[in-house]
């Protein structure tokens, strides 16, 4: 998926699980355009993971075995929290 195809990325962010939609969609809406290209590719790679893994990583139940993905998860949590959203 291209980092510039925001329509496809938007739909990939929609997960059908409220916790994920809230966290990932908020990050996409407010932060995606501020990312450099490497982090945009990393965000898209994060979206390719299963919902259960994503929610476990985002609520800090488990860490991603991939250190780059874990860095993106922390970035999502921090930036969502900075905007006064609950960082799940």
Protein backbone atom coordinates (compact mmCIF):
# COMPACT_ATOMS: atom_id res chain seq x y z
CA UNK A 1 0.00 0.00 0.00
CA UNK A 2 1.35 3.42 -0.92
CA UNK A 3 2.05 5.88 1.90
CA UNK A 4 0.24 8.51 -0.19
CA UNK A 5 -2.99 6.57 -0.70
CA UNK A 6 -4.70 8.00 2.36
CA UNK A 7 -8.09 6.59 1.42
CA UNK A 8 -6.79 3.01 1.55
CA UNK A 9 -4.86 3.70 4.74
CA UNK A 10 -7.97 5.21 6.31
CA UNK A 11 -9.95 2.06 5.55
CA UNK A 12 -7.13 -0.13 6.85
CA UNK A 13 -7.31 1.84 10.12
CA UNK A 14 -10.96 0.91 10.57
CA UNK A 15 -10.78 -2.29 12.56
CA UNK A 16 -14.31 -2.85 13.88
CA UNK A 17 -13.08 -2.99 17.46
CA UNK A 18 -13.92 0.22 19.32
CA UNK A 19 -10.63 0.37 21.23
CA UNK A 20 -8.58 -0.01 18.06
CA UNK A 21 -10.71 2.34 16.01
CA UNK A 22 -10.45 5.00 18.69
CA UNK A 23 -6.68 4.75 19.08
CA UNK A 24 -5.57 4.07 15.51
CA UNK A 25 -8.06 6.36 13.78
CA UNK A 26 -7.23 9.24 16.12
CA UNK A 27 -3.54 8.81 15.42
CA UNK A 28 -4.13 8.60 11.68
CA UNK A 29 -6.38 11.65 11.65
CA UNK A 30 -4.13 13.91 13.70
CA UNK A 31 -0.60 12.57 13.29
CA UNK A 32 -0.13 10.67 10.03
CA UNK A 33 0.75 13.73 7.96
CA UNK A 34 3.44 14.73 10.48
CA UNK A 35 5.30 11.43 10.11
CA UNK A 36 8.35 11.04 7.93
CA UNK A 37 8.13 8.51 5.10
CA UNK A 38 9.86 5.75 7.09
CA UNK A 39 7.35 6.07 9.90
CA UNK A 40 4.47 6.16 7.41
CA UNK A 41 5.67 2.82 6.01
CA UNK A 42 6.02 1.53 9.57
CA UNK A 43 2.48 2.62 10.45
CA UNK A 44 1.15 0.81 7.37
CA UNK A 45 3.14 -2.28 8.36
CA UNK A 46 1.60 -2.08 11.83
CA UNK A 47 -1.87 -2.10 10.26
CA UNK A 48 -1.14 -5.46 8.63
CA UNK A 49 -1.19 -7.18 12.03
CA UNK A 50 -4.15 -8.99 13.56
CA UNK A 51 -6.60 -7.02 15.67
CA UNK A 52 -5.94 -9.12 18.75
CA UNK A 53 -2.21 -8.46 18.54
CA UNK A 54 -2.78 -4.75 18.00
CA UNK A 55 -5.09 -4.35 20.97
CA UNK A 56 -2.75 -6.36 23.21
CA UNK A 57 0.17 -4.17 22.19
CA UNK A 58 -1.74 -0.90 22.50
CA UNK A 59 -3.05 -1.68 26.00
CA UNK A 60 0.41 -2.84 27.05
CA UNK A 61 -0.72 -6.38 27.73
CA UNK A 62 2.13 -7.62 25.52
CA UNK A 63 4.92 -6.05 23.52
CA UNK A 64 5.39 -6.58 19.84
CA UNK A 65 8.38 -8.83 19.14
CA UNK A 66 9.31 -6.37 16.39
CA UNK A 67 11.18 -3.45 17.97
CA UNK A 68 10.29 -1.07 15.15
CA UNK A 69 6.59 -1.82 15.53
CA UNK A 70 6.91 -1.41 19.28
CA UNK A 71 8.39 2.05 18.70
CA UNK A 72 5.37 2.95 16.53
CA UNK A 73 2.98 1.65 19.20
CA UNK A 74 4.68 3.84 21.81
CA UNK A 75 4.46 6.79 19.44
CA UNK A 76 0.72 6.20 18.98
CA UNK A 77 0.20 5.97 22.74
CA UNK A 78 2.23 9.11 23.48
CA UNK A 79 0.71 11.26 20.76
CA UNK A 80 -2.84 10.17 21.59
CA UNK A 81 -2.22 10.92 25.25
CA UNK A 82 -0.73 14.32 24.37
CA UNK A 83 -3.95 15.21 22.56
CA UNK A 84 -5.89 14.21 25.71
CA UNK A 85 -7.16 10.96 24.22
CA UNK A 86 -6.90 7.87 26.35
CA UNK A 87 -3.79 6.04 25.24
CA UNK A 88 -4.91 2.46 25.12
